[in-house]
Amino acid sequence: MSSERQFNLSNIFITITTLIFAITSLITVYISLSAWKEERESVRPYLTFHSSPEVYFDQNGQLVFAFRFTNVGLHPVANLHCQTIIANSNLTSNPLHTDQYSLVNNIPQNAVADLIIYIKKDNQRINEQNLDEHFIIINLKYTDPILTKDHEQIIYLRWAGIENAKINPIFHASTEEKKQIIDYLGQL
């Protein structure tokens, strides 16, 4: 075998080996970045229901929706801003309620925050005996103060209303109902 041919084979072998190492390095970098992103996502703040939402009439006759959230993330929740909308399930009329609420204090891991919605009894649509089914939309926006990243959660709920003075519980809306709610909100 000639020395030129050996030199060419050596160059090909070195090139292939270098290419394999380069590809391996790229795969390692990709896996490391994916793991880093997953790790960041796992420590982010995240609000979830601490207990089932409650609906009741207070001593002043106001209809009250009480939500208790817990931060189950490792990082605190900062600058929590809530927007709430309660709309009849037929989604043809104006909302029964719209409001915004902000909390400036941080919510550390495993701490709770309450969201209370009051609807006055003098509202013509409120009847303690019978009230149609409604959708409740809660938009939560907050910041992770450690990573300085903003997060948003939108919760779509269905409340079966009041039947014969019995207040029904609140459930999560279905996927189809969520699509209908999004269409409705787009028309507001």
N, C-alpha and C. Protein backbone atom coordinates (compact mmCIF):
# COMPACT_ATOMS: atom_id res chain seq x y z
N MET A 1 0.84 -1.16 0.00
CA MET A 1 0.00 0.00 0.00
C MET A 1 0.90 1.23 0.00
N SER A 2 0.54 2.19 -0.82
CA SER A 2 1.38 3.38 -0.93
C SER A 2 1.17 4.29 0.27
N SER A 3 2.15 5.11 0.54
CA SER A 3 2.06 6.01 1.69
C SER A 3 0.98 7.07 1.48
N GLU A 4 0.75 7.45 0.21
CA GLU A 4 -0.29 8.43 -0.07
C GLU A 4 -1.67 7.84 0.24
N ARG A 5 -1.86 6.57 -0.09
CA ARG A 5 -3.14 5.90 0.18
C ARG A 5 -3.34 5.76 1.68
N GLN A 6 -2.27 5.41 2.41
CA GLN A 6 -2.36 5.31 3.87
C GLN A 6 -2.70 6.66 4.46
N PHE A 7 -2.10 7.72 3.93
CA PHE A 7 -2.35 9.07 4.41
C PHE A 7 -3.82 9.45 4.21
N ASN A 8 -4.39 9.11 3.04
CA ASN A 8 -5.80 9.38 2.75
C ASN A 8 -6.71 8.58 3.66
N LEU A 9 -6.40 7.31 3.91
CA LEU A 9 -7.21 6.50 4.83
C LEU A 9 -7.13 7.05 6.25
N SER A 10 -5.96 7.48 6.65
CA SER A 10 -5.81 8.08 7.98
C SER A 10 -6.63 9.35 8.09
N ASN A 11 -6.60 10.17 7.07
CA ASN A 11 -7.40 11.40 7.08
C ASN A 11 -8.89 11.10 7.14
N ILE A 12 -9.32 10.12 6.39
CA ILE A 12 -10.75 9.73 6.40
C ILE A 12 -11.13 9.22 7.78
N PHE A 13 -10.29 8.38 8.37
CA PHE A 13 -10.55 7.82 9.70
C PHE A 13 -10.62 8.96 10.74
N ILE A 14 -9.70 9.89 10.68
CA ILE A 14 -9.68 11.01 11.63
C ILE A 14 -10.91 11.89 11.42
N THR A 15 -11.29 12.13 10.18
CA THR A 15 -12.47 12.95 9.89
C THR A 15 -13.73 12.29 10.43
N ILE A 16 -13.89 10.99 10.20
CA ILE A 16 -15.07 10.27 10.69
C ILE A 16 -15.11 10.28 12.22
N THR A 17 -13.97 10.05 12.85
CA THR A 17 -13.90 10.06 14.31
C THR A 17 -14.26 11.44 14.86
N THR A 18 -13.73 12.48 14.25
CA THR A 18 -14.04 13.85 14.67
C THR A 18 -15.52 14.15 14.49
N LEU A 19 -16.10 13.70 13.40
CA LEU A 19 -17.53 13.89 13.14
C LEU A 19 -18.38 13.19 14.20
N ILE A 20 -17.99 11.96 14.55
CA ILE A 20 -18.73 11.22 15.59
C ILE A 20 -18.65 11.96 16.92
N PHE A 21 -17.46 12.46 17.29
CA PHE A 21 -17.33 13.21 18.53
C PHE A 21 -18.15 14.50 18.50
N ALA A 22 -18.18 15.16 17.35
CA ALA A 22 -18.96 16.39 17.22
C ALA A 22 -20.45 16.12 17.39
N ILE A 23 -20.94 15.06 16.75
CA ILE A 23 -22.36 14.70 16.88
C ILE A 23 -22.68 14.32 18.32
N THR A 24 -21.80 13.55 18.95
CA THR A 24 -22.00 13.16 20.35
C THR A 24 -22.05 14.40 21.24
N SER A 25 -21.17 15.36 20.98
CA SER A 25 -21.16 16.60 21.76
C SER A 25 -22.45 17.38 21.57
N LEU A 26 -22.95 17.45 20.36
CA LEU A 26 -24.21 18.15 20.10
C LEU A 26 -25.37 17.48 20.82
N ILE A 27 -25.41 16.16 20.80
CA ILE A 27 -26.47 15.42 21.51
C ILE A 27 -26.38 15.69 23.00
N THR A 28 -25.17 15.69 23.55
CA THR A 28 -24.98 15.95 24.97
C THR A 28 -25.45 17.37 25.34
N VAL A 29 -25.13 18.35 24.50
CA VAL A 29 -25.56 19.73 24.75
C VAL A 29 -27.09 19.80 24.70
N TYR A 30 -27.70 19.15 23.73
CA TYR A 30 -29.17 19.15 23.61
C TYR A 30 -29.81 18.53 24.85
N ILE A 31 -29.30 17.39 25.29
CA ILE A 31 -29.85 16.72 26.47
C ILE A 31 -29.67 17.61 27.71
N SER A 32 -28.51 18.24 27.83
CA SER A 32 -28.26 19.12 28.97
C SER A 32 -29.21 20.31 28.98
N LEU A 33 -29.42 20.93 27.82
CA LEU A 33 -30.35 22.06 27.74
C LEU A 33 -31.79 21.63 28.05
N SER A 34 -32.19 20.47 27.55
CA SER A 34 -33.54 19.97 27.84
C SER A 34 -33.71 19.72 29.33
N ALA A 35 -32.71 19.10 29.95
CA ALA A 35 -32.78 18.83 31.39
C ALA A 35 -32.81 20.13 32.18
N TRP A 36 -32.04 21.12 31.74
CA TRP A 36 -32.01 22.41 32.43
C TRP A 36 -33.37 23.10 32.33
N LYS A 37 -34.00 23.06 31.15
CA LYS A 37 -35.33 23.66 30.98
C LYS A 37 -36.37 22.95 31.84
N GLU A 38 -36.32 21.63 31.88
CA GLU A 38 -37.25 20.86 32.71
C GLU A 38 -37.04 21.18 34.19
N GLU A 39 -35.78 21.32 34.59
CA GLU A 39 -35.49 21.62 35.99
C GLU A 39 -36.01 23.01 36.34
N ARG A 40 -35.84 23.98 35.44
CA ARG A 40 -36.36 25.33 35.67
C ARG A 40 -37.88 25.30 35.79
N GLU A 41 -38.52 24.52 34.94
CA GLU A 41 -39.98 24.43 34.95
C GLU A 41 -40.48 23.75 36.23
N SER A 42 -39.71 22.83 36.76
CA SER A 42 -40.15 22.08 37.94
C SER A 42 -40.06 22.93 39.22
N VAL A 43 -39.26 23.98 39.23
CA VAL A 43 -39.13 24.81 40.43
C VAL A 43 -39.94 26.10 40.34
N ARG A 44 -40.53 26.38 39.20
CA ARG A 44 -41.29 27.60 39.01
C ARG A 44 -42.47 27.66 39.97
N PRO A 45 -42.97 28.85 40.26
CA PRO A 45 -44.18 28.93 41.08
C PRO A 45 -45.37 28.40 40.29
N TYR A 46 -46.31 27.77 41.00
CA TYR A 46 -47.50 27.24 40.34
C TYR A 46 -48.64 27.23 41.35
N LEU A 47 -49.75 27.86 40.99
CA LEU A 47 -50.90 27.93 41.88
C LEU A 47 -51.90 26.84 41.55
N THR A 48 -52.39 26.19 42.59
CA THR A 48 -53.42 25.17 42.44
C THR A 48 -54.43 25.34 43.56
N PHE A 49 -55.61 24.74 43.41
CA PHE A 49 -56.62 24.85 44.46
C PHE A 49 -56.15 24.13 45.71
N HIS A 50 -56.24 24.82 46.85
CA HIS A 50 -55.90 24.24 48.14
C HIS A 50 -57.02 23.31 48.61
N SER A 51 -58.24 23.75 48.34
CA SER A 51 -59.43 22.96 48.67
C SER A 51 -60.50 23.29 47.63
N SER A 52 -61.59 22.57 47.68
CA SER A 52 -62.66 22.81 46.72
C SER A 52 -63.21 24.22 46.89
N PRO A 53 -63.48 24.89 45.78
CA PRO A 53 -64.08 26.23 45.87
C PRO A 53 -65.44 26.16 46.58
N GLU A 54 -65.78 27.23 47.28
CA GLU A 54 -67.05 27.28 48.01
C GLU A 54 -67.94 28.36 47.42
N VAL A 55 -69.25 28.10 47.47
CA VAL A 55 -70.24 29.10 47.06
C VAL A 55 -71.29 29.15 48.17
N TYR A 56 -71.61 30.37 48.63
CA TYR A 56 -72.59 30.52 49.69
C TYR A 56 -73.12 31.95 49.71
N PHE A 57 -74.16 32.17 50.47
CA PHE A 57 -74.69 33.51 50.70
C PHE A 57 -74.21 33.95 52.08
N ASP A 58 -73.64 35.16 52.17
CA ASP A 58 -73.19 35.65 53.47
C ASP A 58 -74.35 36.29 54.23
N GLN A 59 -74.08 36.82 55.44
CA GLN A 59 -75.14 37.38 56.28
C GLN A 59 -75.79 38.62 55.66
N ASN A 60 -75.12 39.24 54.69
CA ASN A 60 -75.69 40.41 54.01
C ASN A 60 -76.47 40.01 52.76
N GLY A 61 -76.56 38.72 52.50
CA GLY A 61 -77.29 38.24 51.33
C GLY A 61 -76.49 38.29 50.04
N GLN A 62 -75.20 38.57 50.14
CA GLN A 62 -74.35 38.58 48.95
C GLN A 62 -73.98 37.15 48.57
N LEU A 63 -73.94 36.88 47.28
CA LEU A 63 -73.47 35.60 46.79
C LEU A 63 -71.95 35.64 46.81
N VAL A 64 -71.33 34.64 47.45
CA VAL A 64 -69.89 34.63 47.65
C VAL A 64 -69.28 33.39 46.99
N PHE A 65 -68.25 33.61 46.21
CA PHE A 65 -67.44 32.54 45.64
C PHE A 65 -66.07 32.63 46.32
N ALA A 66 -65.65 31.57 46.99
CA ALA A 66 -64.38 31.58 47.73
C ALA A 66 -63.44 30.54 47.14
N PHE A 67 -62.28 31.02 46.72
CA PHE A 67 -61.25 30.15 46.14
C PHE A 67 -59.99 30.28 46.99
N ARG A 68 -59.39 29.17 47.36
CA ARG A 68 -58.15 29.18 48.12
C ARG A 68 -57.09 28.49 47.28
N PHE A 69 -56.03 29.24 46.97
CA PHE A 69 -54.94 28.73 46.14
C PHE A 69 -53.71 28.46 47.00
N THR A 70 -52.94 27.44 46.60
CA THR A 70 -51.66 27.13 47.23
C THR A 70 -50.57 27.20 46.16
N ASN A 71 -49.43 27.76 46.53
CA ASN A 71 -48.28 27.76 45.65
C ASN A 71 -47.55 26.43 45.85
N VAL A 72 -47.66 25.54 44.88
CA VAL A 72 -47.00 24.23 44.99
C VAL A 72 -45.62 24.23 44.33
N GLY A 73 -45.20 25.36 43.79
CA GLY A 73 -43.87 25.46 43.20
C GLY A 73 -42.82 25.75 44.27
N LEU A 74 -41.56 25.58 43.91
CA LEU A 74 -40.48 25.87 44.86
C LEU A 74 -40.21 27.37 44.97
N HIS A 75 -40.38 28.11 43.89
CA HIS A 75 -40.15 29.55 43.90
C HIS A 75 -41.42 30.27 44.35
N PRO A 76 -41.28 31.44 44.94
CA PRO A 76 -42.47 32.19 45.37
C PRO A 76 -43.22 32.81 44.19
N VAL A 77 -44.48 33.09 44.42
CA VAL A 77 -45.31 33.83 43.48
C VAL A 77 -45.20 35.30 43.88
N ALA A 78 -44.92 36.14 42.90
CA ALA A 78 -44.84 37.59 43.16
C ALA A 78 -45.77 38.33 42.22
N ASN A 79 -46.28 39.46 42.67
CA ASN A 79 -47.13 40.33 41.86
C ASN A 79 -48.32 39.60 41.25
N LEU A 80 -49.04 38.89 42.08
CA LEU A 80 -50.21 38.14 41.60
C LEU A 80 -51.31 39.10 41.18
N HIS A 81 -51.79 38.91 39.96
CA HIS A 81 -52.90 39.68 39.43
C HIS A 81 -53.97 38.69 38.95
N CYS A 82 -55.18 38.82 39.48
CA CYS A 82 -56.29 37.93 39.12
C CYS A 82 -57.36 38.73 38.38
N GLN A 83 -57.87 38.14 37.33
CA GLN A 83 -59.03 38.70 36.65
C GLN A 83 -60.09 37.62 36.66
N THR A 84 -61.30 37.96 37.09
CA THR A 84 -62.38 36.98 37.17
C THR A 84 -63.56 37.43 36.33
N ILE A 85 -64.17 36.44 35.70
CA ILE A 85 -65.39 36.67 34.92
C ILE A 85 -66.36 35.53 35.25
N ILE A 86 -67.60 35.89 35.53
CA ILE A 86 -68.66 34.90 35.74
C ILE A 86 -69.74 35.20 34.72
N ALA A 87 -70.01 34.20 33.86
CA ALA A 87 -70.97 34.40 32.77
C ALA A 87 -71.97 33.26 32.74
N ASN A 88 -73.20 33.59 32.37
CA ASN A 88 -74.24 32.57 32.23
C ASN A 88 -73.78 31.53 31.21
N SER A 89 -74.12 30.27 31.46
CA SER A 89 -73.63 29.18 30.60
C SER A 89 -74.19 29.25 29.17
N ASN A 90 -75.24 30.03 28.96
CA ASN A 90 -75.72 30.16 27.58
C ASN A 90 -74.80 31.06 26.76
N LEU A 91 -73.94 31.81 27.45
CA LEU A 91 -72.92 32.66 26.81
C LEU A 91 -73.49 33.62 25.77
N THR A 92 -74.68 34.15 26.08
CA THR A 92 -75.28 35.12 25.15
C THR A 92 -75.44 36.50 25.78
N SER A 93 -75.43 36.58 27.10
CA SER A 93 -75.63 37.87 27.77
C SER A 93 -74.31 38.40 28.33
N ASN A 94 -74.35 39.62 28.80
CA ASN A 94 -73.18 40.20 29.45
C ASN A 94 -72.83 39.39 30.70
N PRO A 95 -71.58 39.39 31.11
CA PRO A 95 -71.20 38.64 32.32
C PRO A 95 -71.94 39.13 33.56
N LEU A 96 -72.19 38.21 34.46
CA LEU A 96 -72.80 38.52 35.74
C LEU A 96 -71.80 39.31 36.59
N HIS A 97 -70.52 39.00 36.40
CA HIS A 97 -69.48 39.62 37.22
C HIS A 97 -68.17 39.69 36.45
N THR A 98 -67.47 40.81 36.57
CA THR A 98 -66.09 40.93 36.10
C THR A 98 -65.36 41.77 37.13
N ASP A 99 -64.14 41.37 37.45
CA ASP A 99 -63.38 42.10 38.44
C ASP A 99 -61.89 41.78 38.30
N GLN A 100 -61.07 42.64 38.88
CA GLN A 100 -59.63 42.41 38.92
C GLN A 100 -59.15 42.60 40.34
N TYR A 101 -58.10 41.87 40.67
CA TYR A 101 -57.58 41.86 42.03
C TYR A 101 -56.08 41.67 41.95
N SER A 102 -55.33 42.44 42.73
CA SER A 102 -53.87 42.30 42.75
C SER A 102 -53.38 42.10 44.17
N LEU A 103 -52.33 41.32 44.30
CA LEU A 103 -51.71 41.05 45.59
C LEU A 103 -50.22 41.35 45.44
N VAL A 104 -49.71 42.28 46.24
CA VAL A 104 -48.32 42.67 46.09
C VAL A 104 -47.37 41.80 46.91
N ASN A 105 -47.86 41.15 47.96
CA ASN A 105 -46.99 40.30 48.77
C ASN A 105 -46.66 39.01 48.04
N ASN A 106 -45.47 38.49 48.31
CA ASN A 106 -45.07 37.21 47.73
C ASN A 106 -45.82 36.07 48.42
N ILE A 107 -46.06 35.01 47.66
CA ILE A 107 -46.68 33.80 48.20
C ILE A 107 -45.62 32.71 48.13
N PRO A 108 -44.99 32.37 49.26
CA PRO A 108 -43.94 31.35 49.23
C PRO A 108 -44.50 29.95 48.99
N GLN A 109 -43.58 29.00 48.84
CA GLN A 109 -43.99 27.61 48.62
C GLN A 109 -44.90 27.15 49.75
N ASN A 110 -45.97 26.45 49.41
CA ASN A 110 -46.96 25.86 50.31
C ASN A 110 -47.80 26.90 51.06
N ALA A 111 -47.66 28.17 50.75
CA ALA A 111 -48.50 29.19 51.37
C ALA A 111 -49.79 29.31 50.57
N VAL A 112 -50.82 29.86 51.21
CA VAL A 112 -52.12 29.98 50.55
C VAL A 112 -52.47 31.44 50.30
N ALA A 113 -53.30 31.65 49.32
CA ALA A 113 -53.86 32.97 49.01
C ALA A 113 -55.33 32.77 48.69
N ASP A 114 -56.16 33.65 49.21
CA ASP A 114 -57.60 33.55 48.99
C ASP A 114 -58.05 34.53 47.93
N LEU A 115 -58.98 34.09 47.13
CA LEU A 115 -59.66 34.93 46.15
C LEU A 115 -61.15 34.84 46.49
N ILE A 116 -61.74 35.95 46.88
CA ILE A 116 -63.14 35.99 47.26
C ILE A 116 -63.87 36.91 46.29
N ILE A 117 -64.95 36.41 45.73
CA ILE A 117 -65.78 37.20 44.80
C ILE A 117 -67.13 37.43 45.48
N TYR A 118 -67.53 38.68 45.58
CA TYR A 118 -68.82 39.05 46.16
C TYR A 118 -69.72 39.58 45.05
N ILE A 119 -70.94 39.06 45.01
CA ILE A 119 -71.94 39.59 44.08
C ILE A 119 -73.11 40.07 44.93
N LYS A 120 -73.40 41.35 44.84
CA LYS A 120 -74.41 41.95 45.69
C LYS A 120 -75.80 41.38 45.43
N LYS A 121 -76.56 41.29 46.51
CA LYS A 121 -77.91 40.75 46.41
C LYS A 121 -78.81 41.62 45.55
N ASP A 122 -78.55 42.93 45.49
CA ASP A 122 -79.41 43.81 44.70
C ASP A 122 -79.22 43.61 43.20
N ASN A 123 -78.28 42.76 42.83
CA ASN A 123 -78.13 42.41 41.41
C ASN A 123 -79.41 41.69 40.98
N GLN A 124 -80.05 42.18 39.94
CA GLN A 124 -81.35 41.66 39.51
C GLN A 124 -81.30 40.19 39.10
N ARG A 125 -80.13 39.70 38.74
CA ARG A 125 -80.03 38.33 38.27
C ARG A 125 -79.86 37.31 39.40
N ILE A 126 -79.62 37.77 40.62
CA ILE A 126 -79.37 36.86 41.73
C ILE A 126 -80.70 36.48 42.39
N ASN A 127 -80.93 35.20 42.48
CA ASN A 127 -82.12 34.65 43.14
C ASN A 127 -81.67 33.53 44.05
N GLU A 128 -81.95 33.63 45.33
CA GLU A 128 -81.48 32.62 46.29
C GLU A 128 -82.16 31.27 46.10
N GLN A 129 -83.24 31.22 45.36
CA GLN A 129 -83.96 29.96 45.16
C GLN A 129 -83.50 29.23 43.91
N ASN A 130 -83.31 29.96 42.82
CA ASN A 130 -82.92 29.36 41.55
C ASN A 130 -82.01 30.32 40.79
N LEU A 131 -80.91 29.76 40.29
CA LEU A 131 -79.98 30.55 39.50
C LEU A 131 -79.37 29.62 38.46
N ASP A 132 -79.39 30.07 37.22
CA ASP A 132 -78.89 29.24 36.11
C ASP A 132 -77.43 28.85 36.29
N GLU A 133 -77.03 27.87 35.49
CA GLU A 133 -75.64 27.44 35.45
C GLU A 133 -74.77 28.58 34.91
N HIS A 134 -73.55 28.71 35.46
CA HIS A 134 -72.61 29.76 35.06
C HIS A 134 -71.22 29.19 34.86
N PHE A 135 -70.44 29.88 34.03
CA PHE A 135 -69.02 29.58 33.87
C PHE A 135 -68.24 30.61 34.66
N ILE A 136 -67.16 30.16 35.27
CA ILE A 136 -66.27 31.04 36.03
C ILE A 136 -64.89 30.95 35.37
N ILE A 137 -64.37 32.09 35.00
CA ILE A 137 -63.04 32.13 34.38
C ILE A 137 -62.13 32.91 35.31
N ILE A 138 -61.02 32.30 35.69
CA ILE A 138 -60.04 32.95 36.56
C ILE A 138 -58.71 33.00 35.81
N ASN A 139 -58.24 34.21 35.57
CA ASN A 139 -56.96 34.40 34.90
C ASN A 139 -55.96 34.86 35.95
N LEU A 140 -54.93 34.04 36.19
CA LEU A 140 -53.90 34.35 37.17
C LEU A 140 -52.61 34.71 36.44
N LYS A 141 -52.09 35.88 36.72
CA LYS A 141 -50.80 36.30 36.16
C LYS A 141 -49.88 36.62 37.33
N TYR A 142 -48.65 36.12 37.27
CA TYR A 142 -47.72 36.36 38.35
C TYR A 142 -46.29 36.21 37.85
N THR A 143 -45.36 36.59 38.70
CA THR A 143 -43.94 36.59 38.35
C THR A 143 -43.18 35.64 39.26
N ASP A 144 -42.18 34.99 38.68
CA ASP A 144 -41.20 34.23 39.46
C ASP A 144 -40.10 35.23 39.77
N PRO A 145 -39.98 35.70 41.03
CA PRO A 145 -39.01 36.75 41.33
C PRO A 145 -37.55 36.26 41.27
N ILE A 146 -37.34 34.98 41.34
CA ILE A 146 -35.98 34.44 41.29
C ILE A 146 -35.47 34.41 39.86
N LEU A 147 -36.29 33.91 38.95
CA LEU A 147 -35.89 33.83 37.54
C LEU A 147 -36.39 35.03 36.73
N THR A 148 -37.12 35.93 37.38
CA THR A 148 -37.75 37.09 36.74
C THR A 148 -38.46 36.70 35.45
N LYS A 149 -39.33 35.72 35.58
CA LYS A 149 -40.11 35.24 34.44
C LYS A 149 -41.59 35.34 34.78
N ASP A 150 -42.40 35.80 33.83
CA ASP A 150 -43.84 35.92 34.03
C ASP A 150 -44.54 34.61 33.66
N HIS A 151 -45.59 34.31 34.40
CA HIS A 151 -46.39 33.11 34.15
C HIS A 151 -47.87 33.50 34.13
N GLU A 152 -48.65 32.70 33.42
CA GLU A 152 -50.10 32.91 33.35
C GLU A 152 -50.80 31.56 33.42
N GLN A 153 -51.84 31.52 34.22
CA GLN A 153 -52.70 30.34 34.29
C GLN A 153 -54.13 30.82 34.09
N ILE A 154 -54.88 30.11 33.27
CA ILE A 154 -56.30 30.42 33.09
C ILE A 154 -57.08 29.18 33.51
N ILE A 155 -58.01 29.38 34.42
CA ILE A 155 -58.81 28.28 34.96
C ILE A 155 -60.24 28.47 34.49
N TYR A 156 -60.79 27.44 33.86
CA TYR A 156 -62.16 27.46 33.35
C TYR A 156 -63.00 26.53 34.23
N LEU A 157 -64.02 27.09 34.87
CA LEU A 157 -64.86 26.33 35.79
C LEU A 157 -66.32 26.40 35.37
N ARG A 158 -67.08 25.41 35.82
CA ARG A 158 -68.53 25.37 35.57
C ARG A 158 -69.22 25.23 36.92
N TRP A 159 -70.15 26.15 37.18
CA TRP A 159 -70.94 26.10 38.40
C TRP A 159 -72.38 25.82 38.00
N ALA A 160 -72.97 24.78 38.56
CA ALA A 160 -74.32 24.35 38.17
C ALA A 160 -75.42 25.26 38.73
N GLY A 161 -75.07 26.29 39.46
CA GLY A 161 -76.04 27.27 39.92
C GLY A 161 -76.77 26.84 41.18
N ILE A 162 -78.00 27.35 41.31
CA ILE A 162 -78.83 27.06 42.49
C ILE A 162 -80.14 26.46 42.02
N GLU A 163 -80.52 25.35 42.62
CA GLU A 163 -81.80 24.69 42.30
C GLU A 163 -82.57 24.48 43.60
N ASN A 164 -83.76 25.07 43.67
CA ASN A 164 -84.62 24.94 44.85
C ASN A 164 -83.86 25.27 46.13
N ALA A 165 -83.16 26.39 46.13
CA ALA A 165 -82.38 26.93 47.25
C ALA A 165 -81.17 26.06 47.62
N LYS A 166 -80.84 25.08 46.80
CA LYS A 166 -79.65 24.25 47.04
C LYS A 166 -78.53 24.74 46.13
N ILE A 167 -77.44 25.16 46.75
CA ILE A 167 -76.29 25.67 46.00
C ILE A 167 -75.45 24.48 45.53
N ASN A 168 -75.24 24.41 44.24
CA ASN A 168 -74.47 23.31 43.65
C ASN A 168 -72.97 23.61 43.70
N PRO A 169 -72.16 22.55 43.63
CA PRO A 169 -70.70 22.75 43.67
C PRO A 169 -70.14 23.24 42.33
N ILE A 170 -68.85 23.56 42.35
CA ILE A 170 -68.12 24.04 41.18
C ILE A 170 -67.25 22.91 40.65
N PHE A 171 -67.23 22.76 39.32
CA PHE A 171 -66.40 21.73 38.67
C PHE A 171 -65.57 22.39 37.57
N HIS A 172 -64.57 21.69 37.09
CA HIS A 172 -63.80 22.18 35.95
C HIS A 172 -64.64 22.05 34.69
N ALA A 173 -64.50 23.00 33.80
CA ALA A 173 -65.21 22.97 32.52
C ALA A 173 -64.59 21.91 31.62
N SER A 174 -65.39 21.39 30.70
CA SER A 174 -64.89 20.41 29.74
C SER A 174 -64.12 21.12 28.63
N THR A 175 -63.45 20.33 27.81
CA THR A 175 -62.69 20.89 26.69
C THR A 175 -63.62 21.62 25.72
N GLU A 176 -64.79 21.05 25.45
CA GLU A 176 -65.75 21.70 24.55
C GLU A 176 -66.26 23.01 25.15
N GLU A 177 -66.53 23.00 26.47
CA GLU A 177 -67.00 24.22 27.12
C GLU A 177 -65.90 25.29 27.10
N LYS A 178 -64.66 24.88 27.27
CA LYS A 178 -63.54 25.83 27.22
C LYS A 178 -63.51 26.53 25.85
N LYS A 179 -63.70 25.77 24.77
CA LYS A 179 -63.71 26.36 23.44
C LYS A 179 -64.85 27.37 23.29
N GLN A 180 -66.02 27.03 23.82
CA GLN A 180 -67.17 27.94 23.77
C GLN A 180 -66.89 29.21 24.57
N ILE A 181 -66.26 29.06 25.74
CA ILE A 181 -65.94 30.21 26.58
C ILE A 181 -64.95 31.13 25.87
N ILE A 182 -63.93 30.55 25.26
CA ILE A 182 -62.92 31.34 24.54
C ILE A 182 -63.58 32.12 23.40
N ASP A 183 -64.49 31.48 22.66
CA ASP A 183 -65.23 32.19 21.61
C ASP A 183 -66.05 33.35 22.18
N TYR A 184 -66.72 33.08 23.31
CA TYR A 184 -67.52 34.11 23.97
C TYR A 184 -66.66 35.29 24.40
N LEU A 185 -65.51 35.00 25.01
CA LEU A 185 -64.62 36.06 25.48
C LEU A 185 -64.07 36.88 24.31
N GLY A 186 -63.89 36.24 23.18
CA GLY A 186 -63.44 36.95 21.99
C GLY A 186 -64.46 37.95 21.48
N GLN A 187 -65.73 37.75 21.82
CA GLN A 187 -66.79 38.64 21.36
C GLN A 187 -67.02 39.81 22.32
N LEU A 188 -66.48 39.73 23.53
CA LEU A 188 -66.69 40.82 24.51
C LEU A 188 -65.95 42.07 24.15
